[in-house]
C-alpha atoms as a PDB file:
ATOM      1  CA  UNK A   1      24.508  -2.996  -5.625  1.00  0.00           C
ATOM      2  CA  UNK A   2      24.047   0.540  -7.326  1.00  0.00           C
ATOM      3  CA  UNK A   3      25.688   3.838  -6.587  1.00  0.00           C
ATOM      4  CA  UNK A   4      23.176   6.457  -6.634  1.00  0.00           C
ATOM      5  CA  UNK A   5      24.311   9.549  -9.367  1.00  0.00           C
ATOM      6  CA  UNK A   6      25.225  12.644  -7.112  1.00  0.00           C
ATOM      7  CA  UNK A   7      21.506  14.236  -8.153  1.00  0.00           C
ATOM      8  CA  UNK A   8      19.689  10.982  -6.779  1.00  0.00           C
ATOM      9  CA  UNK A   9      21.839  10.778  -3.640  1.00  0.00           C
ATOM     10  CA  UNK A  10      21.290  14.468  -3.076  1.00  0.00           C
ATOM     11  CA  UNK A  11      17.385  13.769  -3.419  1.00  0.00           C
ATOM     12  CA  UNK A  12      17.871  10.867  -0.889  1.00  0.00           C
ATOM     13  CA  UNK A  13      19.622  12.362   1.599  1.00  0.00           C
ATOM     14  CA  UNK A  14      17.908  15.699   1.801  1.00  0.00           C
ATOM     15  CA  UNK A  15      14.499  13.925   1.616  1.00  0.00           C
ATOM     16  CA  UNK A  16      14.973  11.442   4.155  1.00  0.00           C
ATOM     17  CA  UNK A  17      16.571  14.138   6.608  1.00  0.00           C
ATOM     18  CA  UNK A  18      13.141  16.260   5.906  1.00  0.00           C
ATOM     19  CA  UNK A  19      11.241  13.344   6.645  1.00  0.00           C
ATOM     20  CA  UNK A  20      12.849  12.732   9.871  1.00  0.00           C
ATOM     21  CA  UNK A  21      12.375  16.088  11.248  1.00  0.00           C
ATOM     22  CA  UNK A  22       8.861  16.091  10.156  1.00  0.00           C
ATOM     23  CA  UNK A  23       8.267  12.741  11.860  1.00  0.00           C
ATOM     24  CA  UNK A  24       9.289  13.924  14.995  1.00  0.00           C
ATOM     25  CA  UNK A  25       7.745  17.614  15.019  1.00  0.00           C
ATOM     26  CA  UNK A  26       4.992  18.315  17.467  1.00  0.00           C
ATOM     27  CA  UNK A  27       2.472  18.994  14.722  1.00  0.00           C
ATOM     28  CA  UNK A  28       2.744  15.528  13.168  1.00  0.00           C
ATOM     29  CA  UNK A  29       0.008  13.308  12.753  1.00  0.00           C
ATOM     30  CA  UNK A  30      -0.967   9.859  11.770  1.00  0.00           C
ATOM     31  CA  UNK A  31      -1.708  10.880   8.093  1.00  0.00           C
ATOM     32  CA  UNK A  32       1.327  12.768   7.923  1.00  0.00           C
ATOM     33  CA  UNK A  33       3.565   9.924   9.461  1.00  0.00           C
ATOM     34  CA  UNK A  34       1.850   7.312   6.970  1.00  0.00           C
ATOM     35  CA  UNK A  35       2.283   9.871   3.838  1.00  0.00           C
ATOM     36  CA  UNK A  36       6.440  10.328   4.956  1.00  0.00           C
ATOM     37  CA  UNK A  37       6.808   6.814   5.635  1.00  0.00           C
ATOM     38  CA  UNK A  38       5.591   6.143   1.999  1.00  0.00           C
ATOM     39  CA  UNK A  39       7.690   8.895   0.429  1.00  0.00           C
ATOM     40  CA  UNK A  40      10.928   7.387   2.306  1.00  0.00           C
ATOM     41  CA  UNK A  41      10.019   3.714   0.831  1.00  0.00           C
ATOM     42  CA  UNK A  42       9.456   5.780  -2.902  1.00  0.00           C
ATOM     43  CA  UNK A  43      13.016   7.061  -2.363  1.00  0.00           C
ATOM     44  CA  UNK A  44      14.217   3.680  -3.056  1.00  0.00           C
ATOM     45  CA  UNK A  45      11.977   3.067  -6.034  1.00  0.00           C
ATOM     46  CA  UNK A  46      12.007   5.896  -8.698  1.00  0.00           C
ATOM     47  CA  UNK A  47      12.387  10.059  -8.674  1.00  0.00           C
ATOM     48  CA  UNK A  48       9.046   9.876 -10.785  1.00  0.00           C
ATOM     49  CA  UNK A  49       7.007   8.244  -7.811  1.00  0.00           C
ATOM     50  CA  UNK A  50       8.826  10.451  -5.247  1.00  0.00           C
ATOM     51  CA  UNK A  51       7.919  13.545  -7.415  1.00  0.00           C
ATOM     52  CA  UNK A  52       4.135  12.264  -7.489  1.00  0.00           C
ATOM     53  CA  UNK A  53       3.908  12.222  -3.528  1.00  0.00           C
ATOM     54  CA  UNK A  54       5.743  15.594  -3.263  1.00  0.00           C
ATOM     55  CA  UNK A  55       3.101  17.256  -5.628  1.00  0.00           C
ATOM     56  CA  UNK A  56       0.454  16.184  -3.683  1.00  0.00           C
ATOM     57  CA  UNK A  57       2.087  17.487  -0.549  1.00  0.00           C
ATOM     58  CA  UNK A  58       2.802  20.548  -1.675  1.00  0.00           C
ATOM     59  CA  UNK A  59      -0.937  21.290  -2.705  1.00  0.00           C
ATOM     60  CA  UNK A  60      -1.782  20.037   0.857  1.00  0.00           C
ATOM     61  CA  UNK A  61      -2.565  23.307   3.319  1.00  0.00           C
ATOM     62  CA  UNK A  62      -1.903  21.153   6.140  1.00  0.00           C
ATOM     63  CA  UNK A  63       1.965  22.168   5.338  1.00  0.00           C
ATOM     64  CA  UNK A  64       3.338  25.640   6.479  1.00  0.00           C
ATOM     65  CA  UNK A  65       4.932  28.131   4.022  1.00  0.00           C
ATOM     66  CA  UNK A  66       8.637  26.893   5.255  1.00  0.00           C
ATOM     67  CA  UNK A  67       7.563  23.370   4.704  1.00  0.00           C
ATOM     68  CA  UNK A  68       6.099  24.052   1.354  1.00  0.00           C
ATOM     69  CA  UNK A  69       9.314  25.612   0.252  1.00  0.00           C
ATOM     70  CA  UNK A  70      11.256  22.879   1.270  1.00  0.00           C
ATOM     71  CA  UNK A  71       8.744  20.466  -0.498  1.00  0.00           C
ATOM     72  CA  UNK A  72       8.848  22.418  -3.938  1.00  0.00           C
ATOM     73  CA  UNK A  73      13.016  22.535  -3.499  1.00  0.00           C
ATOM     74  CA  UNK A  74      12.704  18.622  -3.542  1.00  0.00           C
ATOM     75  CA  UNK A  75       9.969  18.299  -6.341  1.00  0.00           C
ATOM     76  CA  UNK A  76      12.648  20.418  -8.435  1.00  0.00           C
ATOM     77  CA  UNK A  77      15.283  18.084  -7.499  1.00  0.00           C
ATOM     78  CA  UNK A  78      13.173  14.873  -8.442  1.00  0.00           C
ATOM     79  CA  UNK A  79      12.004  16.148 -11.791  1.00  0.00           C
ATOM     80  CA  UNK A  80      15.476  17.008 -12.772  1.00  0.00           C
ATOM     81  CA  UNK A  81      16.379  13.143 -12.734  1.00  0.00           C
ATOM     82  CA  UNK A  82      14.613  11.871 -15.804  1.00  0.00           C
ATOM     83  CA  UNK A  83      16.665   8.468 -16.051  1.00  0.00           C
ATOM     84  CA  UNK A  84      17.565   6.983 -12.717  1.00  0.00           C
ATOM     85  CA  UNK A  85      20.524   4.445 -11.854  1.00  0.00           C
ATOM     86  CA  UNK A  86      18.064   1.682 -11.706  1.00  0.00           C
ATOM     87  CA  UNK A  87      16.806   2.394 -15.117  1.00  0.00           C
ATOM     88  CA  UNK A  88      20.025   2.371 -16.400  1.00  0.00           C
ATOM     89  CA  UNK A  89      21.019  -1.247 -14.677  1.00  0.00           C
ATOM     90  CA  UNK A  90      17.962  -2.316 -16.021  1.00  0.00           C
ATOM     91  CA  UNK A  91      19.171  -1.651 -19.474  1.00  0.00           C
ATOM     92  CA  UNK A  92      22.359  -3.253 -18.769  1.00  0.00           C
ATOM     93  CA  UNK A  93      20.751  -6.525 -17.617  1.00  0.00           C
ATOM     94  CA  UNK A  94      18.513  -6.764 -20.316  1.00  0.00           C
ATOM     95  CA  UNK A  95      21.556  -6.145 -23.034  1.00  0.00           C
ATOM     96  CA  UNK A  96      23.746  -8.984 -21.334  1.00  0.00           C
ATOM     97  CA  UNK A  97      20.801 -11.617 -20.712  1.00  0.00           C
ATOM     98  CA  UNK A  98      18.777 -12.982 -23.187  1.00  0.00           C
ATOM     99  CA  UNK A  99      15.472 -14.147 -23.002  1.00  0.00           C
ATOM    100  CA  UNK A 100      12.194 -12.505 -21.475  1.00  0.00           C
ATOM    101  CA  UNK A 101      11.989 -10.430 -17.982  1.00  0.00           C
ATOM    102  CA  UNK A 102       9.307  -9.939 -15.096  1.00  0.00           C
ATOM    103  CA  UNK A 103      10.044  -6.589 -13.420  1.00  0.00           C
ATOM    104  CA  UNK A 104       8.235  -6.248 -10.263  1.00  0.00           C
ATOM    105  CA  UNK A 105       8.075  -2.575  -8.685  1.00  0.00           C
ATOM    106  CA  UNK A 106       5.887  -1.341  -5.710  1.00  0.00           C
ATOM    107  CA  UNK A 107       4.545   1.913  -7.333  1.00  0.00           C
ATOM    108  CA  UNK A 108       2.473   2.643 -10.137  1.00  0.00           C
ATOM    109  CA  UNK A 109       4.174   5.846 -11.199  1.00  0.00           C
ATOM    110  CA  UNK A 110       7.879   3.629 -11.175  1.00  0.00           C
ATOM    111  CA  UNK A 111       6.022   0.956 -13.299  1.00  0.00           C
ATOM    112  CA  UNK A 112       5.028   3.582 -15.874  1.00  0.00           C
ATOM    113  CA  UNK A 113       8.263   5.416 -15.774  1.00  0.00           C
ATOM    114  CA  UNK A 114      10.031   2.016 -16.790  1.00  0.00           C
ATOM    115  CA  UNK A 115       7.468   1.127 -19.805  1.00  0.00           C
ATOM    116  CA  UNK A 116       8.029   4.952 -20.918  1.00  0.00           C
ATOM    117  CA  UNK A 117      12.077   4.265 -21.019  1.00  0.00           C
ATOM    118  CA  UNK A 118      12.148   1.060 -22.495  1.00  0.00           C
ATOM    119  CA  UNK A 119       9.709   2.045 -25.178  1.00  0.00           C
ATOM    120  CA  UNK A 120      12.163   4.917 -25.626  1.00  0.00           C
ATOM    121  CA  UNK A 121      15.157   2.260 -26.090  1.00  0.00           C
ATOM    122  CA  UNK A 122      12.896   0.482 -28.408  1.00  0.00           C
ATOM    123  CA  UNK A 123      12.892  -2.750 -25.766  1.00  0.00           C
ATOM    124  CA  UNK A 124       9.146  -4.050 -26.220  1.00  0.00           C
ATOM    125  CA  UNK A 125       7.155  -4.137 -23.036  1.00  0.00           C
ATOM    126  CA  UNK A 126       3.795  -4.341 -21.543  1.00  0.00           C
ATOM    127  CA  UNK A 127       2.317  -3.075 -18.123  1.00  0.00           C
ATOM    128  CA  UNK A 128       0.333  -5.112 -15.647  1.00  0.00           C
ATOM    129  CA  UNK A 129      -1.112  -3.545 -12.590  1.00  0.00           C
ATOM    130  CA  UNK A 130      -4.148  -3.418 -10.254  1.00  0.00           C
ATOM    131  CA  UNK A 131      -5.838  -0.704 -12.287  1.00  0.00           C
ATOM    132  CA  UNK A 132      -6.359  -2.847 -15.148  1.00  0.00           C
ATOM    133  CA  UNK A 133      -9.595  -4.664 -16.004  1.00  0.00           C
ATOM    134  CA  UNK A 134      -9.862  -8.282 -16.419  1.00  0.00           C
ATOM    135  CA  UNK A 135      -9.781  -8.389 -20.236  1.00  0.00           C
ATOM    136  CA  UNK A 136      -6.611  -5.678 -20.088  1.00  0.00           C
ATOM    137  CA  UNK A 137      -5.148  -8.274 -17.928  1.00  0.00           C
ATOM    138  CA  UNK A 138      -5.556 -11.056 -19.885  1.00  0.00           C
ATOM    139  CA  UNK A 139      -4.497  -9.186 -23.044  1.00  0.00           C
ATOM    140  CA  UNK A 140      -0.936  -8.227 -21.274  1.00  0.00           C
ATOM    141  CA  UNK A 141      -0.483 -11.727 -20.235  1.00  0.00           C
ATOM    142  CA  UNK A 142      -1.297 -13.075 -23.712  1.00  0.00           C
ATOM    143  CA  UNK A 143       1.141 -10.332 -25.330  1.00  0.00           C
ATOM    144  CA  UNK A 144       3.843 -11.458 -22.823  1.00  0.00           C
ATOM    145  CA  UNK A 145       3.159 -15.018 -23.186  1.00  0.00           C
ATOM    146  CA  UNK A 146       3.011 -14.969 -26.895  1.00  0.00           C
ATOM    147  CA  UNK A 147       2.094 -18.052 -29.170  1.00  0.00           C
ATOM    148  CA  UNK A 148       3.525 -20.352 -31.894  1.00  0.00           C
ATOM    149  CA  UNK A 149       2.474 -17.335 -34.414  1.00  0.00           C
ATOM    150  CA  UNK A 150       4.103 -14.261 -32.418  1.00  0.00           C
ATOM    151  CA  UNK A 151       6.965 -14.488 -29.914  1.00  0.00           C
ATOM    152  CA  UNK A 152       5.957 -12.736 -26.577  1.00  0.00           C
ATOM    153  CA  UNK A 153       7.181  -9.130 -25.588  1.00  0.00           C
ATOM    154  CA  UNK A 154      10.405  -9.055 -23.935  1.00  0.00           C
ATOM    155  CA  UNK A 155       9.562  -7.379 -20.823  1.00  0.00           C
ATOM    156  CA  UNK A 156       6.393  -7.366 -18.372  1.00  0.00           C
ATOM    157  CA  UNK A 157       6.584  -4.676 -15.659  1.00  0.00           C
ATOM    158  CA  UNK A 158       4.031  -5.333 -12.942  1.00  0.00           C
ATOM    159  CA  UNK A 159       2.860  -4.365  -9.562  1.00  0.00           C
ATOM    160  CA  UNK A 160       2.396  -6.630  -6.735  1.00  0.00           C
ATOM    161  CA  UNK A 161      -1.366  -6.096  -7.050  1.00  0.00           C
ATOM    162  CA  UNK A 162      -1.371  -6.413 -10.467  1.00  0.00           C
ATOM    163  CA  UNK A 163       0.246 -10.160 -10.845  1.00  0.00           C
ATOM    164  CA  UNK A 164      -1.304 -11.943  -7.801  1.00  0.00           C
ATOM    165  CA  UNK A 165      -2.452 -15.255  -8.557  1.00  0.00           C
ATOM    166  CA  UNK A 166      -0.818 -15.189 -12.017  1.00  0.00           C
ATOM    167  CA  UNK A 167       1.249 -18.239 -13.179  1.00  0.00           C
ATOM    168  CA  UNK A 168       4.028 -16.817 -15.712  1.00  0.00           C
ATOM    169  CA  UNK A 169       6.635 -19.760 -15.066  1.00  0.00           C
ATOM    170  CA  UNK A 170       6.922 -19.813 -19.160  1.00  0.00           C
ATOM    171  CA  UNK A 171       9.569 -16.768 -18.258  1.00  0.00           C
ATOM    172  CA  UNK A 172      12.506 -17.265 -15.891  1.00  0.00           C
ATOM    173  CA  UNK A 173      14.255 -14.146 -15.212  1.00  0.00           C
ATOM    174  CA  UNK A 174      12.942 -11.535 -12.646  1.00  0.00           C
ATOM    175  CA  UNK A 175      14.020  -8.156 -11.612  1.00  0.00           C
ATOM    176  CA  UNK A 176      12.934  -6.859  -8.207  1.00  0.00           C
ATOM    177  CA  UNK A 177      13.267  -3.253  -9.251  1.00  0.00           C
ATOM    178  CA  UNK A 178      12.481  -2.318  -5.795  1.00  0.00           C
ATOM    179  CA  UNK A 179      12.118  -4.145  -2.718  1.00  0.00           C
ATOM    180  CA  UNK A 180       9.216  -4.105  -0.340  1.00  0.00           C
ATOM    181  CA  UNK A 181       9.791  -3.692   3.608  1.00  0.00           C
ATOM    182  CA  UNK A 182       7.730  -7.308   3.858  1.00  0.00           C
ATOM    183  CA  UNK A 183      10.227 -10.178   2.673  1.00  0.00           C
ATOM    184  CA  UNK A 184       6.927 -12.519   2.371  1.00  0.00           C
ATOM    185  CA  UNK A 185       6.180 -10.443  -0.880  1.00  0.00           C
ATOM    186  CA  UNK A 186       9.343 -10.812  -2.293  1.00  0.00           C
ATOM    187  CA  UNK A 187       8.835 -14.626  -2.069  1.00  0.00           C
ATOM    188  CA  UNK A 188       5.570 -14.329  -3.694  1.00  0.00           C
ATOM    189  CA  UNK A 189       7.055 -12.208  -6.690  1.00  0.00           C
ATOM    190  CA  UNK A 190       9.624 -15.262  -6.968  1.00  0.00           C
ATOM    191  CA  UNK A 191       6.316 -17.446  -6.778  1.00  0.00           C
ATOM    192  CA  UNK A 192       5.118 -16.393  -9.971  1.00  0.00           C
ATOM    193  CA  UNK A 193       7.737 -17.870 -11.955  1.00  0.00           C
ATOM    194  CA  UNK A 194       9.332 -20.432  -9.466  1.00  0.00           C
ATOM    195  CA  UNK A 195       6.384 -22.893  -9.363  1.00  0.00           C
ATOM    196  CA  UNK A 196       5.354 -26.339 -11.184  1.00  0.00           C
ATOM    197  CA  UNK A 197       5.599 -26.060 -14.719  1.00  0.00           C
ATOM    198  CA  UNK A 198       8.995 -24.057 -14.805  1.00  0.00           C
ATOM    199  CA  UNK A 199      11.828 -26.093 -16.854  1.00  0.00           C
ATOM    200  CA  UNK A 200      14.501 -23.416 -16.537  1.00  0.00           C
ATOM    201  CA  UNK A 201      16.823 -22.353 -13.366  1.00  0.00           C
ATOM    202  CA  UNK A 202      14.947 -18.870 -12.105  1.00  0.00           C
ATOM    203  CA  UNK A 203      17.388 -16.100 -12.207  1.00  0.00           C
ATOM    204  CA  UNK A 204      16.528 -13.373  -9.980  1.00  0.00           C
ATOM    205  CA  UNK A 205      18.228  -9.744  -9.909  1.00  0.00           C
ATOM    206  CA  UNK A 206      17.456  -7.313  -6.615  1.00  0.00           C
ATOM    207  CA  UNK A 207      18.515  -3.818  -7.293  1.00  0.00           C
ATOM    208  CA  UNK A 208      19.306  -1.856  -4.500  1.00  0.00           C
ATOM    209  CA  UNK A 209      21.223   1.555  -3.900  1.00  0.00           C
ATOM    210  CA  UNK A 210      23.886   1.644  -1.623  1.00  0.00           C
ATOM    211  CA  UNK A 211      23.748   3.851   1.752  1.00  0.00           C
ATOM    212  CA  UNK A 212      20.312   3.473   1.424  1.00  0.00           C
ATOM    213  CA  UNK A 213      17.558   1.721   3.656  1.00  0.00           C
ATOM    214  CA  UNK A 214      17.264  -0.960   0.739  1.00  0.00           C
ATOM    215  CA  UNK A 215      20.641  -1.832   1.114  1.00  0.00           C
ATOM    216  CA  UNK A 216      19.934  -2.637   4.742  1.00  0.00           C
ATOM    217  CA  UNK A 217      16.942  -4.861   3.447  1.00  0.00           C
ATOM    218  CA  UNK A 218      18.739  -6.913   0.882  1.00  0.00           C
ATOM    219  CA  UNK A 219      21.650  -7.292   3.450  1.00  0.00           C
ATOM    220  CA  UNK A 220      19.219  -8.792   6.081  1.00  0.00           C
ATOM    221  CA  UNK A 221      17.404 -11.094   3.447  1.00  0.00           C
ATOM    222  CA  UNK A 222      20.545 -12.253   1.826  1.00  0.00           C
ATOM    223  CA  UNK A 223      23.235 -12.283   4.846  1.00  0.00           C
ATOM    224  CA  UNK A 224      20.943 -12.990   7.882  1.00  0.00           C
ATOM    225  CA  UNK A 225      18.165 -14.910   6.839  1.00  0.00           C
ATOM    226  CA  UNK A 226      19.785 -15.994   3.679  1.00  0.00           C
ATOM    227  CA  UNK A 227      16.393 -16.074   2.098  1.00  0.00           C
ATOM    228  CA  UNK A 228      17.345 -16.990  -1.250  1.00  0.00           C
ATOM    229  CA  UNK A 229      19.009 -20.605   0.112  1.00  0.00           C
ATOM    230  CA  UNK A 230      15.326 -21.356   1.162  1.00  0.00           C
ATOM    231  CA  UNK A 231      12.822 -23.694  -0.127  1.00  0.00           C
ATOM    232  CA  UNK A 232       9.445 -21.547  -0.863  1.00  0.00           C
ATOM    233  CA  UNK A 233       7.498 -21.566   2.219  1.00  0.00           C
ATOM    234  CA  UNK A 234      10.459 -21.590   4.774  1.00  0.00           C
ATOM    235  CA  UNK A 235      10.669 -18.193   5.007  1.00  0.00           C
ATOM    236  CA  UNK A 236       7.237 -17.580   6.475  1.00  0.00           C
ATOM    237  CA  UNK A 237       8.465 -20.689   9.219  1.00  0.00           C
ATOM    238  CA  UNK A 238      11.832 -18.587   9.917  1.00  0.00           C
ATOM    239  CA  UNK A 239       9.976 -15.513  10.428  1.00  0.00           C
ATOM    240  CA  UNK A 240       7.413 -17.203  12.731  1.00  0.00           C
ATOM    241  CA  UNK A 241       9.921 -17.824  15.228  1.00  0.00           C
ATOM    242  CA  UNK A 242      10.664 -13.927  15.707  1.00  0.00           C
ATOM    243  CA  UNK A 243      10.426 -13.055  19.305  1.00  0.00           C
ATOM    244  CA  UNK A 244       7.314 -11.180  20.160  1.00  0.00           C
ATOM    245  CA  UNK A 245       5.542 -12.285  17.383  1.00  0.00           C
ATOM    246  CA  UNK A 246       6.624  -8.827  15.379  1.00  0.00           C
ATOM    247  CA  UNK A 247       7.038  -8.973  11.896  1.00  0.00           C
ATOM    248  CA  UNK A 248      10.017  -8.363   9.960  1.00  0.00           C
ATOM    249  CA  UNK A 249       8.354  -5.234   8.574  1.00  0.00           C
ATOM    250  CA  UNK A 250       7.407  -4.099  11.833  1.00  0.00           C
ATOM    251  CA  UNK A 251      11.009  -4.417  12.931  1.00  0.00           C
ATOM    252  CA  UNK A 252      12.249  -2.437  10.354  1.00  0.00           C
ATOM    253  CA  UNK A 253       9.524   0.380  10.555  1.00  0.00           C
ATOM    254  CA  UNK A 254      10.546   0.913  14.208  1.00  0.00           C
ATOM    255  CA  UNK A 255      14.023   0.848  13.669  1.00  0.00           C
ATOM    256  CA  UNK A 256      13.910   3.485  10.893  1.00  0.00           C
ATOM    257  CA  UNK A 257      11.428   5.518  13.039  1.00  0.00           C
ATOM    258  CA  UNK A 258      13.588   5.417  16.167  1.00  0.00           C
ATOM    259  CA  UNK A 259      16.819   6.151  14.455  1.00  0.00           C
ATOM    260  CA  UNK A 260      18.436   9.806  14.685  1.00  0.00           C
ATOM    261  CA  UNK A 261      20.497   9.571  11.798  1.00  0.00           C
ATOM    262  CA  UNK A 262      22.263   6.872   9.369  1.00  0.00           C
ATOM    263  CA  UNK A 263      24.896   5.519  11.934  1.00  0.00           C
ATOM    264  CA  UNK A 264      21.800   4.760  14.458  1.00  0.00           C
ATOM    265  CA  UNK A 265      19.990   3.074  11.862  1.00  0.00           C
ATOM    266  CA  UNK A 266      22.921   0.932  10.922  1.00  0.00           C
ATOM    267  CA  UNK A 267      23.270   0.049  14.418  1.00  0.00           C
ATOM    268  CA  UNK A 268      19.174  -0.873  15.158  1.00  0.00           C
ATOM    269  CA  UNK A 269      19.616  -2.768  11.581  1.00  0.00           C
ATOM    270  CA  UNK A 270      22.356  -4.802  12.964  1.00  0.00           C
ATOM    271  CA  UNK A 271      20.184  -5.625  15.850  1.00  0.00           C
ATOM    272  CA  UNK A 272      17.362  -6.779  13.616  1.00  0.00           C
ATOM    273  CA  UNK A 273      20.245  -8.956  11.855  1.00  0.00           C
ATOM    274  CA  UNK A 274      20.918 -10.934  15.134  1.00  0.00           C
ATOM    275  CA  UNK A 275      16.968 -11.532  15.547  1.00  0.00           C
ATOM    276  CA  UNK A 276      16.893 -13.030  12.046  1.00  0.00           C
ATOM    277  CA  UNK A 277      19.950 -15.216  12.625  1.00  0.00           C
ATOM    278  CA  UNK A 278      18.396 -16.353  15.719  1.00  0.00           C
ATOM    279  CA  UNK A 279      14.973 -17.278  14.278  1.00  0.00           C
ATOM    280  CA  UNK A 280      16.589 -19.216  11.295  1.00  0.00           C
ATOM    281  CA  UNK A 281      18.885 -21.099  13.647  1.00  0.00           C
ATOM    282  CA  UNK A 282      15.669 -21.820  15.946  1.00  0.00           C
ATOM    283  CA  UNK A 283      14.055 -23.033  12.562  1.00  0.00           C
ATOM    284  CA  UNK A 284      16.937 -25.133  11.449  1.00  0.00           C
ATOM    285  CA  UNK A 285      16.954 -26.754  14.915  1.00  0.00           C
ATOM    286  CA  UNK A 286      13.248 -27.338  14.662  1.00  0.00           C
ATOM    287  CA  UNK A 287      13.632 -28.712  11.220  1.00  0.00           C
ATOM    288  CA  UNK A 288      16.627 -31.179  12.072  1.00  0.00           C
ATOM    289  CA  UNK A 289      14.330 -32.704  15.026  1.00  0.00           C
ATOM    290  CA  UNK A 290      11.470 -33.370  12.707  1.00  0.00           C
ATOM    291  CA  UNK A 291      13.901 -35.066  10.018  1.00  0.00           C
ATOM    292  CA  UNK A 292      15.284 -37.354  12.809  1.00  0.00           C
ATOM    293  CA  UNK A 293      11.726 -38.182  13.904  1.00  0.00           C
ATOM    294  CA  UNK A 294      10.592 -38.796  10.573  1.00  0.00           C
ATOM    295  CA  UNK A 295      13.306 -41.249   9.948  1.00  0.00           C
ATOM    296  CA  UNK A 296      12.747 -42.953  13.233  1.00  0.00           C
ATOM    297  CA  UNK A 297       9.151 -43.373  12.569  1.00  0.00           C
ATOM    298  CA  UNK A 298      10.206 -44.770   8.882  1.00  0.00           C
ATOM    299  CA  UNK A 299      12.173 -47.610  10.425  1.00  0.00           C
ATOM    300  CA  UNK A 300       9.508 -48.518  13.164  1.00  0.00           C
END
């Protein structure tokens, strides 16, 4: 759990307020709402990811002069933050814990920012993302794995699309730089390392900044679902018990869209927490019944 710097907090708070206002504006269309939701997620990732989206919005003629002035102001705020709190946290983790690390992020711009800063800190790293061709991907994994003649680089920074289907169990330390709104994708990230052939205990660092929506997500995953106590595969069974067949991501998005302010959002997140607790309880009841049935069948 990290505390944002003053500049980062101002960027998060001001842009979040802008997103809420624009989301409810009468001239807001589906395309704008999708862009605004992306921007909200990027606020929990990196100032550089936020800046990339803001630049596109500034040049979009659909925005009026007043909105464009606000966007330019936000862009200046984002560009004034070269190294965010999460990057400093990564450096602290790497200094404290020896060995290789896999770092996951949702955004290509964040990936490139992490790689650039690690290079500035003389920490060997390689990137892995969906924009690479097959040869580039194989080369990146080979550099990360290393061999008997050359040890692997210290860090691989990857997007979800980059690491799909990859087996990286030669590494056992993972940093979730940002958290997807879909917890199944968090489990998929962990599954890159926590799989057959893994001989070490897998250590997972989840970075979240206080008073942001990401802090709510980690609270729901860790305290309500108790995700990190589960066996791989159980999460899907629990989420399948949510009433109304709504996904975790749908519940979270609807809570954010309906909230008028942060206090309102916290109350709605608490309601989601209650839904998740019930879903886990229902799953545990079914699992217990199945175990009793299995025991009974074994004695027949």
